[in-house]
N, C-alpha and C. Protein backbone atom coordinates (compact mmCIF):
# COMPACT_ATOMS: atom_id res chain seq x y z
N LEU A 1 4.27 -10.62 -0.92
CA LEU A 1 5.27 -11.04 -1.99
C LEU A 1 5.75 -10.11 -2.47
N SER A 2 5.31 -8.31 -1.96
CA SER A 2 5.51 -6.78 -2.75
C SER A 2 6.74 -6.48 -1.95
N SER A 3 7.03 -7.41 -1.13
CA SER A 3 8.55 -7.32 -0.08
C SER A 3 9.94 -7.88 -1.36
N LEU A 4 9.58 -8.66 -1.77
CA LEU A 4 10.53 -9.41 -2.42
C LEU A 4 11.16 -8.00 -3.65
N SER A 5 10.60 -6.91 -4.03
CA SER A 5 11.34 -6.24 -4.95
C SER A 5 12.22 -5.21 -4.13
N VAL A 6 12.48 -5.42 -3.46
CA VAL A 6 13.48 -4.66 -2.49
C VAL A 6 14.88 -5.59 -2.92
N TYR A 7 14.72 -6.93 -3.53
CA TYR A 7 16.06 -7.67 -3.55
C TYR A 7 16.74 -7.05 -4.82
N GLY A 8 15.46 -6.91 -5.49
CA GLY A 8 15.88 -5.84 -7.23
C GLY A 8 16.94 -4.89 -6.75
N LEU A 9 16.68 -3.87 -5.82
CA LEU A 9 16.91 -2.68 -5.63
C LEU A 9 18.54 -2.89 -4.88
N THR A 10 18.32 -3.99 -4.45
CA THR A 10 19.54 -3.92 -3.30
C THR A 10 20.60 -4.10 -4.46
N PHE A 11 20.50 -5.55 -5.61
CA PHE A 11 21.40 -6.33 -6.13
C PHE A 11 21.60 -5.21 -7.25
N ALA A 12 20.71 -4.06 -6.85
CA ALA A 12 21.02 -2.87 -8.80
C ALA A 12 21.87 -1.60 -8.61
N GLY A 13 21.84 -1.92 -6.72
CA GLY A 13 23.09 -1.17 -6.34
C GLY A 13 24.36 -1.91 -6.00
N TRP A 14 24.14 -3.04 -5.65
CA TRP A 14 24.84 -3.46 -5.23
C TRP A 14 26.14 -4.47 -6.63
N SER A 15 25.69 -4.48 -7.62
CA SER A 15 26.07 -4.30 -9.03
C SER A 15 26.59 -3.34 -9.06
N SER A 16 26.08 -2.09 -9.11
CA SER A 16 26.94 -1.03 -10.15
C SER A 16 28.08 -0.47 -9.48
N ASN A 17 28.97 -1.22 -8.73
CA ASN A 17 29.98 -1.03 -8.38
C ASN A 17 30.70 0.58 -8.04
N ASN A 18 29.52 1.29 -7.37
CA ASN A 18 28.90 2.47 -7.17
C ASN A 18 28.41 3.40 -5.68
N LYS A 19 29.19 3.83 -4.98
CA LYS A 19 29.16 4.23 -3.39
C LYS A 19 27.11 4.46 -3.36
N TYR A 20 27.23 5.31 -3.71
CA TYR A 20 25.86 5.83 -3.95
C TYR A 20 24.98 4.70 -4.17
N ALA A 21 24.79 4.17 -5.50
CA ALA A 21 24.22 2.90 -6.03
C ALA A 21 24.08 1.85 -4.58
N LEU A 22 25.30 1.69 -4.37
CA LEU A 22 25.21 0.91 -2.78
C LEU A 22 24.58 1.36 -1.53
N MET A 23 24.60 2.49 -1.26
CA MET A 23 24.20 2.97 -0.48
C MET A 23 22.55 3.38 -0.84
N GLY A 24 22.13 3.37 -2.04
CA GLY A 24 20.70 3.13 -1.93
C GLY A 24 20.08 1.87 -2.07
N GLY A 25 20.97 1.06 -2.45
CA GLY A 25 20.50 -0.35 -2.02
C GLY A 25 20.19 -0.81 -1.29
N LEU A 26 20.75 0.12 -0.13
CA LEU A 26 20.90 -0.76 1.75
C LEU A 26 20.00 0.26 2.03
N ARG A 27 19.77 0.92 1.78
CA ARG A 27 18.34 2.07 2.17
C ARG A 27 17.57 1.51 1.73
N ALA A 28 16.89 1.16 0.61
CA ALA A 28 15.83 0.10 0.30
C ALA A 28 15.98 -1.22 1.30
N SER A 29 17.18 -2.23 1.83
CA SER A 29 16.64 -3.21 2.33
C SER A 29 15.84 -2.37 4.32
N ALA A 30 16.69 -1.46 4.42
CA ALA A 30 16.30 -1.03 5.70
C ALA A 30 15.12 -0.50 6.05
N GLN A 31 15.05 0.10 4.89
CA GLN A 31 13.33 0.55 4.91
C GLN A 31 11.90 -0.27 4.57
N MET A 32 12.29 -1.42 4.14
CA MET A 32 11.73 -2.67 3.90
C MET A 32 11.12 -3.77 5.29
N ILE A 33 12.63 -3.53 5.85
CA ILE A 33 12.41 -3.82 7.00
C ILE A 33 11.57 -3.42 8.21
N SER A 34 11.60 -2.00 8.05
CA SER A 34 11.20 -0.85 9.33
C SER A 34 9.45 -1.18 8.74
N TYR A 35 8.72 -1.13 7.76
CA TYR A 35 8.20 -1.21 7.09
C TYR A 35 6.83 -1.98 6.71
N GLU A 36 7.88 -3.06 6.24
CA GLU A 36 6.92 -4.42 6.28
C GLU A 36 6.30 -4.97 7.40
N LEU A 37 7.18 -5.25 8.35
CA LEU A 37 6.20 -5.49 9.94
C LEU A 37 5.42 -4.59 10.68
N PRO A 38 4.97 -3.37 10.23
CA PRO A 38 3.82 -3.03 10.57
C PRO A 38 2.73 -3.32 9.55
N ALA A 39 3.26 -2.82 8.37
CA ALA A 39 2.13 -3.08 7.47
C ALA A 39 1.65 -4.50 7.12
N GLY A 40 2.62 -5.54 7.91
CA GLY A 40 1.33 -6.90 8.05
C GLY A 40 0.66 -7.19 9.37
N LEU A 41 1.55 -6.48 10.52
CA LEU A 41 0.43 -6.20 11.57
C LEU A 41 -0.97 -5.54 11.38
N SER A 42 -1.11 -4.17 10.72
CA SER A 42 -1.53 -3.09 10.45
C SER A 42 -2.99 -4.54 9.80
N ILE A 43 -2.64 -4.94 8.94
CA ILE A 43 -3.73 -5.84 8.69
C ILE A 43 -4.30 -7.14 9.53
N ILE A 44 -4.30 -7.09 10.15
CA ILE A 44 -4.36 -8.67 11.44
C ILE A 44 -5.91 -8.20 11.24
N GLY A 45 -6.16 -6.81 11.23
CA GLY A 45 -7.10 -5.96 12.35
C GLY A 45 -8.72 -6.81 10.90
N VAL A 46 -8.03 -6.41 10.38
CA VAL A 46 -9.06 -6.56 8.69
C VAL A 46 -9.63 -8.47 8.58
N LEU A 47 -8.62 -9.07 9.43
CA LEU A 47 -8.13 -10.63 9.42
C LEU A 47 -9.31 -10.62 10.36
N MET A 48 -9.15 -9.88 11.52
CA MET A 48 -9.80 -10.67 12.87
C MET A 48 -11.25 -10.47 12.88
N LEU A 49 -11.82 -9.50 11.83
CA LEU A 49 -12.97 -8.92 11.34
C LEU A 49 -14.02 -9.97 10.73
N THR A 50 -12.90 -10.41 9.85
CA THR A 50 -13.71 -11.37 8.54
C THR A 50 -13.36 -12.44 8.70
N GLY A 51 -12.22 -12.98 9.36
CA GLY A 51 -11.72 -14.64 10.21
C GLY A 51 -11.76 -15.47 9.04
N SER A 52 -10.80 -14.64 7.87
CA SER A 52 -10.91 -15.61 6.47
C SER A 52 -9.41 -14.59 5.71
N LEU A 53 -8.90 -15.95 5.00
CA LEU A 53 -7.95 -14.76 4.47
C LEU A 53 -8.08 -14.70 3.26
N SER A 54 -9.28 -14.70 2.80
CA SER A 54 -9.77 -14.90 0.78
C SER A 54 -10.05 -13.43 0.75
N MET A 55 -9.66 -13.11 -0.16
CA MET A 55 -9.80 -11.69 -0.71
C MET A 55 -11.25 -11.07 -1.33
N VAL A 56 -11.83 -12.48 -1.73
CA VAL A 56 -13.64 -12.01 -1.91
C VAL A 56 -14.18 -12.15 -0.43
N GLU A 57 -13.75 -13.15 0.06
CA GLU A 57 -14.71 -12.36 1.90
C GLU A 57 -14.65 -11.75 2.16
N ILE A 58 -13.28 -10.60 2.61
CA ILE A 58 -12.94 -9.68 2.84
C ILE A 58 -13.92 -8.96 2.60
N VAL A 59 -13.74 -8.23 1.05
CA VAL A 59 -14.47 -7.45 0.08
C VAL A 59 -15.84 -7.76 0.57
N ASN A 60 -16.33 -8.84 0.71
CA ASN A 60 -18.05 -9.06 1.02
C ASN A 60 -18.67 -8.98 2.29
N ALA A 61 -17.29 -9.23 2.84
CA ALA A 61 -17.57 -8.31 4.37
C ALA A 61 -18.23 -7.21 4.65
N GLN A 62 -17.18 -6.32 3.91
CA GLN A 62 -17.61 -4.23 3.33
C GLN A 62 -19.07 -4.29 2.92
N LYS A 63 -19.88 -5.13 2.39
CA LYS A 63 -20.89 -4.97 2.03
C LYS A 63 -21.38 -3.43 2.22
N ASP A 64 -21.41 -3.77 3.66
CA ASP A 64 -23.05 -2.77 4.42
C ASP A 64 -21.90 -1.30 4.90
N LEU A 65 -20.61 -1.34 5.45
CA LEU A 65 -19.64 -0.68 5.76
C LEU A 65 -18.22 -1.41 5.97
N TRP A 66 -17.71 -0.05 4.77
CA TRP A 66 -16.14 -0.32 4.68
C TRP A 66 -15.29 -0.44 5.76
N PHE A 67 -14.08 -1.15 5.83
CA PHE A 67 -13.30 -1.09 6.55
C PHE A 67 -12.33 0.11 7.05
N ILE A 68 -12.65 1.21 6.35
CA ILE A 68 -11.86 2.66 6.64
C ILE A 68 -12.87 3.14 7.70
N ILE A 69 -13.93 2.50 8.07
CA ILE A 69 -14.98 2.76 9.32
C ILE A 69 -14.86 1.94 10.67
N LYS A 70 -14.80 0.37 9.97
CA LYS A 70 -14.13 0.34 11.75
C LYS A 70 -12.76 0.23 11.60
N GLN A 71 -11.77 0.00 10.77
CA GLN A 71 -10.21 0.07 11.34
C GLN A 71 -9.98 1.35 10.59
N PRO A 72 -10.17 2.06 11.67
CA PRO A 72 -9.19 3.62 10.87
C PRO A 72 -7.80 3.75 11.06
N LEU A 73 -7.72 3.02 12.61
CA LEU A 73 -6.35 3.03 12.78
C LEU A 73 -5.50 2.29 11.53
N GLY A 74 -5.78 1.28 11.74
CA GLY A 74 -5.05 -0.53 10.40
C GLY A 74 -5.52 0.38 9.34
N PHE A 75 -6.28 1.36 8.59
CA PHE A 75 -5.97 1.67 7.30
C PHE A 75 -4.80 3.10 7.56
N ILE A 76 -4.47 3.98 7.94
CA ILE A 76 -3.80 4.85 8.32
C ILE A 76 -2.20 3.81 8.09
N LEU A 77 -2.25 3.47 9.14
CA LEU A 77 -1.34 2.61 9.14
C LEU A 77 -0.58 1.79 7.43
N PHE A 78 -1.37 0.95 7.45
CA PHE A 78 -1.29 0.18 6.14
C PHE A 78 -1.13 1.42 5.02
N LEU A 79 -1.64 2.76 5.12
CA LEU A 79 -1.35 3.73 4.10
C LEU A 79 -0.08 4.43 3.72
N ILE A 80 0.27 4.75 5.21
CA ILE A 80 1.33 5.40 5.27
C ILE A 80 2.92 4.13 4.92
N CYS A 81 2.37 2.57 5.31
CA CYS A 81 3.43 1.60 4.96
C CYS A 81 3.93 1.05 3.73
N SER A 82 2.37 1.49 2.76
CA SER A 82 2.07 1.36 1.16
C SER A 82 3.17 2.17 0.85
N ILE A 83 2.75 3.45 1.16
CA ILE A 83 4.21 4.08 0.57
C ILE A 83 5.39 4.44 0.78
N ALA A 84 5.74 4.41 1.79
CA ALA A 84 7.12 3.70 2.11
C ALA A 84 7.69 2.33 0.83
N GLU A 85 6.66 1.45 1.31
CA GLU A 85 7.19 0.10 0.29
C GLU A 85 7.34 0.77 -0.98
N CYS A 86 6.04 1.93 -1.93
CA CYS A 86 6.71 2.31 -2.83
C CYS A 86 7.53 2.86 -3.02
N ASN A 87 8.93 2.89 -2.04
CA ASN A 87 9.64 4.30 -2.44
C ASN A 87 8.99 5.86 -2.53
N ARG A 88 7.88 6.18 -2.29
CA ARG A 88 7.59 7.50 -3.00
C ARG A 88 7.95 8.47 -1.80
N THR A 89 7.81 10.09 -2.31
CA THR A 89 8.31 10.89 -0.81
C THR A 89 6.82 10.70 -0.19
N PRO A 90 7.26 10.99 1.14
CA PRO A 90 8.14 11.59 1.73
C PRO A 90 8.88 10.33 2.27
N PHE A 91 8.92 8.87 1.59
CA PHE A 91 9.74 7.84 2.24
C PHE A 91 10.99 7.84 1.07
N ASP A 92 10.92 8.19 -0.07
CA ASP A 92 12.03 7.21 -1.29
C ASP A 92 13.59 7.96 -0.98
N LEU A 93 13.89 7.81 0.21
CA LEU A 93 15.51 7.80 0.87
C LEU A 93 16.92 6.47 0.08
N PRO A 94 16.25 5.51 -0.74
CA PRO A 94 17.02 4.86 -1.88
C PRO A 94 17.09 5.77 -2.61
N GLU A 95 16.61 6.81 -3.20
CA GLU A 95 16.88 7.26 -4.18
C GLU A 95 16.89 9.26 -4.46
N ALA A 96 17.68 9.55 -2.59
CA ALA A 96 17.53 10.93 -2.61
C ALA A 96 18.02 11.86 -3.57
N GLU A 97 17.88 12.50 -4.20
CA GLU A 97 18.73 12.69 -5.68
C GLU A 97 19.86 13.73 -4.80
N SER A 98 19.10 14.40 -3.48
CA SER A 98 20.20 15.98 -2.70
C SER A 98 21.56 14.72 -1.75
N GLU A 99 21.51 13.50 -2.07
CA GLU A 99 22.53 13.34 -1.25
C GLU A 99 22.94 11.80 -2.24
N LEU A 100 22.38 11.32 -2.54
CA LEU A 100 23.20 9.85 -3.25
C LEU A 100 22.29 9.88 -4.70
N VAL A 101 22.59 11.62 -5.53
CA VAL A 101 22.77 11.63 -6.68
C VAL A 101 21.41 11.11 -7.47
N ALA A 102 21.51 9.69 -7.74
CA ALA A 102 19.98 9.06 -7.89
C ALA A 102 19.28 8.02 -7.43
N GLY A 103 21.02 7.41 -6.01
CA GLY A 103 20.23 5.84 -5.67
C GLY A 103 20.81 4.77 -6.26
N PHE A 104 19.87 3.97 -6.20
CA PHE A 104 20.10 2.63 -7.07
C PHE A 104 20.52 2.35 -8.19
N HIS A 105 19.87 3.34 -8.91
CA HIS A 105 19.63 3.43 -10.80
C HIS A 105 20.93 4.63 -11.41
N VAL A 106 21.69 5.21 -10.33
CA VAL A 106 22.64 6.39 -11.13
C VAL A 106 23.37 5.46 -12.00
N GLU A 107 24.00 4.68 -12.28
CA GLU A 107 24.41 3.98 -13.42
C GLU A 107 24.32 2.80 -14.19
N TYR A 108 22.63 2.79 -14.28
CA TYR A 108 22.18 2.87 -15.37
C TYR A 108 21.12 3.05 -16.35
N SER A 109 20.85 3.45 -17.45
CA SER A 109 20.27 4.13 -18.55
C SER A 109 19.31 3.20 -19.86
N SER A 110 18.67 4.55 -19.91
CA SER A 110 18.37 3.00 -21.66
C SER A 110 17.36 2.79 -20.54
N MET A 111 16.86 1.09 -21.77
CA MET A 111 15.77 0.71 -20.77
C MET A 111 15.87 0.10 -19.44
N LYS A 112 17.06 -0.27 -19.22
CA LYS A 112 16.88 -0.64 -17.66
C LYS A 112 17.07 0.19 -16.75
N PHE A 113 17.20 1.86 -17.33
CA PHE A 113 16.77 2.21 -16.41
C PHE A 113 15.33 2.73 -15.84
N ALA A 114 14.35 2.85 -17.59
CA ALA A 114 12.93 2.49 -17.68
C ALA A 114 12.31 1.65 -16.94
N LEU A 115 13.32 0.56 -17.11
CA LEU A 115 12.36 -0.71 -16.02
C LEU A 115 12.20 -0.67 -14.38
N PHE A 116 13.12 0.66 -13.92
CA PHE A 116 13.01 0.49 -12.82
C PHE A 116 11.85 1.11 -12.19
N PHE A 117 11.75 2.10 -13.25
CA PHE A 117 10.35 3.44 -13.00
C PHE A 117 8.92 2.34 -13.83
N LEU A 118 9.29 1.56 -13.87
CA LEU A 118 8.50 0.69 -14.10
C LEU A 118 7.65 -0.51 -13.40
N ALA A 119 8.41 -1.12 -12.46
CA ALA A 119 8.53 -1.43 -11.20
C ALA A 119 8.16 -0.75 -10.42
N GLU A 120 8.24 0.73 -10.33
CA GLU A 120 7.69 1.05 -8.95
C GLU A 120 6.22 1.91 -9.29
N TYR A 121 6.13 1.98 -10.55
CA TYR A 121 4.58 2.29 -10.86
C TYR A 121 3.49 0.83 -10.79
N ALA A 122 4.24 -0.30 -11.38
CA ALA A 122 3.25 -1.51 -11.33
C ALA A 122 3.16 -1.82 -9.45
N HIS A 123 4.32 -1.32 -8.57
CA HIS A 123 3.99 -1.39 -7.34
C HIS A 123 3.33 -0.77 -7.02
N MET A 124 2.85 0.15 -7.15
CA MET A 124 1.80 1.40 -6.94
C MET A 124 0.58 0.49 -7.13
N ILE A 125 0.37 0.14 -8.47
CA ILE A 125 -0.84 -0.42 -8.32
C ILE A 125 -1.60 -1.66 -7.69
N VAL A 126 0.15 -1.75 -7.52
CA VAL A 126 -0.42 -3.85 -6.00
C VAL A 126 -1.09 -3.03 -5.81
N MET A 127 0.11 -2.34 -4.88
CA MET A 127 -0.63 -1.57 -3.06
C MET A 127 -1.99 -0.55 -3.20
N ALA A 128 -2.00 -0.01 -4.14
CA ALA A 128 -3.36 0.93 -4.70
C ALA A 128 -4.46 -0.69 -4.49
N SER A 129 -4.40 -1.62 -5.37
CA SER A 129 -5.00 -2.36 -5.43
C SER A 129 -5.86 -3.29 -4.11
N LEU A 130 -4.43 -3.57 -2.97
CA LEU A 130 -4.66 -4.27 -2.01
C LEU A 130 -5.43 -2.73 -0.92
N VAL A 131 -4.99 -2.00 -0.56
CA VAL A 131 -5.69 -1.10 -0.28
C VAL A 131 -6.92 -1.05 -0.61
N THR A 132 -7.63 -0.71 -1.82
CA THR A 132 -9.35 -0.53 -2.11
C THR A 132 -9.40 -2.17 -1.39
N THR A 133 -8.58 -3.20 -1.66
CA THR A 133 -9.46 -4.04 -1.50
C THR A 133 -9.79 -4.90 0.42
N LEU A 134 -8.82 -4.50 0.82
CA LEU A 134 -8.54 -4.64 2.54
C LEU A 134 -9.96 -3.53 3.07
N PHE A 135 -9.71 -2.21 2.52
CA PHE A 135 -10.32 -1.43 3.51
C PHE A 135 -11.18 -0.30 2.52
N LEU A 136 -11.30 -0.24 0.91
CA LEU A 136 -12.46 0.55 0.73
C LEU A 136 -13.37 -0.47 -0.35
N GLY A 137 -13.91 -1.45 0.39
CA GLY A 137 -14.52 -2.03 0.30
C GLY A 137 -14.60 -2.89 -1.58
N GLY A 138 -14.29 -2.21 -2.12
CA GLY A 138 -13.24 -3.63 -2.96
C GLY A 138 -14.43 -3.07 -4.29
N TRP A 139 -15.13 -3.39 -5.11
CA TRP A 139 -16.08 -3.44 -5.60
C TRP A 139 -17.50 -3.13 -5.31
N HIS A 140 -17.79 -2.55 -4.42
CA HIS A 140 -18.44 -2.19 -3.52
C HIS A 140 -19.05 -0.89 -3.33
N LEU A 141 -19.97 -0.32 -3.66
CA LEU A 141 -20.38 1.06 -3.66
C LEU A 141 -20.98 1.03 -2.03
N PRO A 142 -20.94 2.75 -2.05
CA PRO A 142 -21.66 2.76 -0.72
C PRO A 142 -23.16 2.35 -0.46
N PHE A 143 -23.58 2.64 0.26
CA PHE A 143 -25.02 2.09 0.77
C PHE A 143 -25.64 1.09 -0.74
N ILE A 144 -25.15 0.80 -1.94
CA ILE A 144 -25.36 0.26 -2.80
C ILE A 144 -25.06 -0.96 -2.83
N ASP A 145 -26.26 -2.38 -3.23
CA ASP A 145 -25.69 -3.06 -3.38
C ASP A 145 -26.01 -3.89 -4.75
N ILE A 146 -24.45 -4.12 -5.48
CA ILE A 146 -25.03 -3.91 -7.01
C ILE A 146 -25.26 -5.53 -7.01
N SER A 147 -25.34 -6.21 -6.43
CA SER A 147 -25.62 -8.15 -6.46
C SER A 147 -26.92 -7.73 -6.29
N SER A 148 -28.09 -6.91 -6.02
CA SER A 148 -29.38 -6.40 -5.70
C SER A 148 -29.76 -6.36 -6.91
N LEU A 149 -29.50 -6.11 -8.24
CA LEU A 149 -29.44 -5.20 -8.90
C LEU A 149 -30.21 -6.35 -10.03
N HIS A 150 -31.20 -6.25 -11.07
CA HIS A 150 -31.62 -7.50 -12.03
C HIS A 150 -31.84 -6.87 -12.80
N PRO A 151 -31.35 -6.39 -14.00
CA PRO A 151 -31.94 -5.54 -14.98
C PRO A 151 -32.41 -6.70 -15.80
N THR A 152 -33.50 -6.31 -16.69
CA THR A 152 -33.92 -6.81 -17.69
C THR A 152 -33.26 -6.66 -19.06
N THR A 153 -32.96 -5.72 -19.50
CA THR A 153 -32.36 -5.53 -20.61
C THR A 153 -31.24 -6.41 -20.35
N LEU A 154 -30.70 -6.32 -21.52
CA LEU A 154 -29.08 -6.62 -22.29
C LEU A 154 -28.65 -5.45 -21.95
N ILE A 155 -28.67 -4.40 -22.18
CA ILE A 155 -27.18 -3.02 -21.82
C ILE A 155 -27.63 -3.06 -20.13
N GLY A 156 -29.03 -3.03 -19.67
CA GLY A 156 -28.60 -3.30 -18.67
C GLY A 156 -27.86 -4.07 -17.62
N GLN A 157 -28.33 -5.41 -18.23
CA GLN A 157 -26.98 -6.51 -17.52
C GLN A 157 -25.83 -5.94 -17.95
N LEU A 158 -25.48 -5.74 -19.17
CA LEU A 158 -23.77 -5.34 -19.15
C LEU A 158 -23.55 -4.30 -18.32
N VAL A 159 -23.91 -3.16 -18.04
CA VAL A 159 -23.62 -2.12 -17.33
C VAL A 159 -23.71 -2.40 -15.90
N VAL A 160 -24.37 -3.94 -15.18
CA VAL A 160 -24.33 -4.27 -14.06
C VAL A 160 -23.04 -5.22 -13.89
N SER A 161 -22.89 -5.91 -15.09
CA SER A 161 -21.94 -6.74 -15.37
C SER A 161 -20.45 -5.69 -15.09
N LEU A 162 -20.65 -4.96 -15.60
CA LEU A 162 -18.72 -3.34 -15.83
C LEU A 162 -19.12 -2.92 -14.97
N LEU A 163 -19.98 -2.69 -13.88
CA LEU A 163 -20.24 -1.54 -12.39
C LEU A 163 -19.10 -1.96 -11.67
N PRO A 164 -18.81 -2.97 -11.45
CA PRO A 164 -18.09 -3.70 -10.46
C PRO A 164 -16.92 -3.49 -10.43
N ILE A 165 -16.20 -3.79 -11.81
CA ILE A 165 -14.92 -3.14 -12.69
C ILE A 165 -14.68 -1.85 -12.73
N CYS A 166 -15.56 -0.89 -12.80
CA CYS A 166 -15.45 0.23 -13.32
C CYS A 166 -15.50 0.85 -11.57
N VAL A 167 -16.07 0.29 -10.22
CA VAL A 167 -16.02 0.57 -9.27
C VAL A 167 -14.69 1.05 -8.89
N PHE A 168 -14.32 -0.62 -8.74
CA PHE A 168 -12.60 -0.95 -8.15
C PHE A 168 -11.23 0.07 -8.88
N GLY A 169 -11.78 0.78 -10.23
CA GLY A 169 -11.11 0.96 -10.84
C GLY A 169 -10.61 2.89 -10.49
N VAL A 170 -12.31 2.65 -10.40
CA VAL A 170 -11.95 4.47 -10.03
C VAL A 170 -11.49 4.78 -8.15
N LYS A 171 -11.41 4.14 -7.37
CA LYS A 171 -10.92 3.65 -6.42
C LYS A 171 -9.43 3.41 -6.52
N VAL A 172 -9.15 2.54 -7.03
CA VAL A 172 -7.28 2.37 -7.12
C VAL A 172 -6.70 3.31 -8.25
N PHE A 173 -7.37 4.57 -8.97
CA PHE A 173 -7.24 5.15 -9.88
C PHE A 173 -7.02 6.82 -8.42
N CYS A 174 -7.98 6.70 -7.62
CA CYS A 174 -7.58 7.74 -6.58
C CYS A 174 -6.67 8.02 -5.62
N PHE A 175 -6.42 6.17 -5.64
CA PHE A 175 -5.06 5.86 -4.12
C PHE A 175 -4.47 6.93 -5.19
N LEU A 176 -3.63 6.35 -6.21
CA LEU A 176 -3.04 6.57 -7.42
C LEU A 176 -2.39 7.90 -7.57
N PHE A 177 -3.39 8.82 -7.89
CA PHE A 177 -3.99 10.33 -7.62
C PHE A 177 -3.28 11.01 -6.51
N PHE A 178 -3.52 9.81 -5.37
CA PHE A 178 -2.94 10.06 -3.74
C PHE A 178 -1.61 10.64 -3.71
N LEU A 179 -0.83 9.02 -4.30
CA LEU A 179 0.60 8.82 -4.13
C LEU A 179 1.05 9.63 -4.91
N ILE A 180 0.90 10.41 -6.47
CA ILE A 180 1.51 11.31 -6.83
C ILE A 180 1.06 12.72 -6.17
N TRP A 181 0.09 12.76 -5.91
CA TRP A 181 0.13 14.16 -5.65
C TRP A 181 1.00 14.55 -4.03
N LEU A 182 1.56 13.42 -3.59
CA LEU A 182 2.16 13.39 -2.34
C LEU A 182 3.80 13.49 -2.35
N ARG A 183 3.42 13.38 -3.85
CA ARG A 183 5.44 13.53 -4.55
C ARG A 183 5.99 15.15 -4.81
N ALA A 184 4.75 15.48 -5.14
CA ALA A 184 4.95 16.67 -5.29
C ALA A 184 4.46 17.82 -4.24
N THR A 185 4.17 16.98 -2.47
CA THR A 185 3.68 18.35 -1.74
C THR A 185 4.33 18.05 -0.88
N TYR A 186 4.72 17.04 -0.37
CA TYR A 186 5.90 16.59 0.79
C TYR A 186 7.06 16.57 0.44
N PRO A 187 8.18 16.86 2.03
CA PRO A 187 9.41 17.27 1.90
C PRO A 187 10.17 15.92 1.69
N ARG A 188 11.18 15.27 1.64
CA ARG A 188 12.00 14.14 2.32
C ARG A 188 12.06 13.83 3.34
N LEU A 189 11.64 13.03 4.46
CA LEU A 189 12.41 12.58 5.46
C LEU A 189 13.83 12.34 5.58
N ARG A 190 14.24 13.06 6.87
CA ARG A 190 15.98 12.43 7.12
C ARG A 190 15.67 11.16 7.44
N TYR A 191 17.02 10.02 7.15
CA TYR A 191 17.07 8.80 7.49
C TYR A 191 16.94 8.54 8.97
N ASP A 192 17.66 8.96 9.30
CA ASP A 192 17.54 8.29 10.83
C ASP A 192 15.57 8.78 11.20
N GLN A 193 14.62 10.21 10.63
CA GLN A 193 13.44 10.33 11.09
C GLN A 193 12.82 9.87 10.44
N LEU A 194 12.84 8.24 9.55
CA LEU A 194 12.55 7.51 8.73
C LEU A 194 12.53 6.12 9.28
N MET A 195 13.65 5.71 10.26
CA MET A 195 13.86 4.52 11.02
C MET A 195 13.30 4.77 11.88
N LYS A 196 13.57 5.73 12.91
CA LYS A 196 12.51 6.39 14.24
C LYS A 196 10.72 6.08 14.21
N PHE A 197 10.24 6.67 13.11
CA PHE A 197 9.16 6.73 12.79
C PHE A 197 8.56 5.13 12.75
N GLY A 198 8.87 4.65 11.80
CA GLY A 198 8.56 2.90 11.42
C GLY A 198 8.90 2.51 12.71
N TRP A 199 10.03 2.38 13.66
CA TRP A 199 9.69 1.20 14.76
C TRP A 199 9.17 1.48 15.85
N LYS A 200 9.43 3.34 15.88
CA LYS A 200 8.57 4.00 17.82
C LYS A 200 7.78 4.49 17.45
N VAL A 201 6.59 4.29 16.01
CA VAL A 201 5.81 5.33 15.57
C VAL A 201 4.41 4.21 15.34
N LEU A 202 5.23 3.82 14.10
CA LEU A 202 3.68 2.49 13.79
C LEU A 202 4.02 1.59 13.49
N PHE A 203 5.42 0.96 14.53
CA PHE A 203 5.41 -0.91 15.07
C PHE A 203 4.22 -1.03 16.47
N PRO A 204 4.32 -0.03 17.50
CA PRO A 204 3.60 0.26 18.61
C PRO A 204 2.53 -0.08 18.51
N LEU A 205 2.08 1.59 17.30
CA LEU A 205 0.32 1.84 17.05
C LEU A 205 -0.02 -0.06 16.19
N ALA A 206 0.82 -0.63 15.63
CA ALA A 206 -0.03 -1.58 14.71
C ALA A 206 -0.40 -2.56 16.13
N LEU A 207 1.04 -2.33 17.07
CA LEU A 207 -0.06 -3.87 17.96
C LEU A 207 -1.23 -3.41 19.00
N PHE A 208 -0.88 -1.73 18.97
CA PHE A 208 -2.30 -1.73 19.52
C PHE A 208 -3.34 -1.51 19.03
N ASN A 209 -3.18 -1.68 17.40
CA ASN A 209 -4.50 -1.55 16.95
C ASN A 209 -4.95 -3.44 16.91
N ILE A 210 -3.99 -4.57 16.98
CA ILE A 210 -4.52 -5.87 17.05
C ILE A 210 -5.09 -5.52 18.58
N VAL A 211 -4.66 -5.25 19.96
CA VAL A 211 -5.34 -5.14 20.91
C VAL A 211 -6.90 -4.63 20.29
N LEU A 212 -7.30 -4.04 20.57
CA LEU A 212 -8.13 -2.92 20.80
C LEU A 212 -9.27 -3.59 19.70
N THR A 213 -8.71 -4.40 18.47
CA THR A 213 -9.48 -4.86 17.85
C THR A 213 -10.03 -5.99 18.60
N ALA A 214 -9.14 -6.51 18.55
CA ALA A 214 -9.46 -8.22 19.92
C ALA A 214 -10.82 -7.16 20.32
N VAL A 215 -10.06 -6.59 21.73
CA VAL A 215 -11.02 -5.75 23.26
C VAL A 215 -12.54 -5.34 22.63
N LEU A 216 -12.44 -4.81 21.31
CA LEU A 216 -13.65 -4.05 21.02
C LEU A 216 -14.68 -5.64 19.75
N GLN A 217 -13.65 -6.29 19.67
CA GLN A 217 -15.07 -7.67 19.87
C GLN A 217 -15.15 -8.72 20.65
N ILE A 218 -14.66 -8.67 21.50
CA ILE A 218 -14.66 -9.52 22.94
C ILE A 218 -16.48 -8.96 23.29
N PHE A 219 -16.65 -7.66 23.16
CA PHE A 219 -17.71 -6.76 23.61
C PHE A 219 -18.80 -6.05 22.35
N ASN A 220 -18.79 -7.24 21.22
CA ASN A 220 -19.74 -7.21 20.37
C ASN A 220 -19.14 -5.58 19.64
N LEU A 221 -18.62 -5.01 20.06
CA LEU A 221 -18.64 -3.23 19.49
C LEU A 221 -18.23 -3.35 18.11
N LEU A 222 -17.77 -4.58 17.32
CA LEU A 222 -17.47 -4.22 15.84
C LEU A 222 -18.41 -5.35 15.06
């Protein structure tokens, strides 16, 4: 579903009747195709470990050990693809100011311009939630089983009820902070570097991660 957002960027660039906006929309489409496939393949390792598509079961499977430990390569691949899907630096080619003025939203102003950034940051929150759910244990704390806590007082019960929500929110916030920190730290990649990195590096590594996970499971090493 997250890949559907690229249609808005492409149509926005095309309907602007501006060459820079159109180029930004086309770049967004090419970038989505290049990074959506490795992102999907990087999740397969998690699904192989849990044997389920249920988000609740994936989180509960990380009660003892988070999948960032069992699937470090899958986590790195999904992290990079998440940044690329959100069009964040260093993967913000659709809106490269030095090349395309402002990219797909060059002809937009006022509320229409604000909606683009609202969608971008909403996309960041969704991807941060996915990373937290799939690799960072969701609402579980390391070495602490929240479900085993049974306080007798009303305040204690309230704290235990709100603790999973707070834990999940803190993990999402840390990932969002990481995305914003990246924007102020790393320079933008060239377009050809972006495409080569997606197809020649991330895609083969995602396939390798699937094979490695399968081999380790056969020998009961995971």
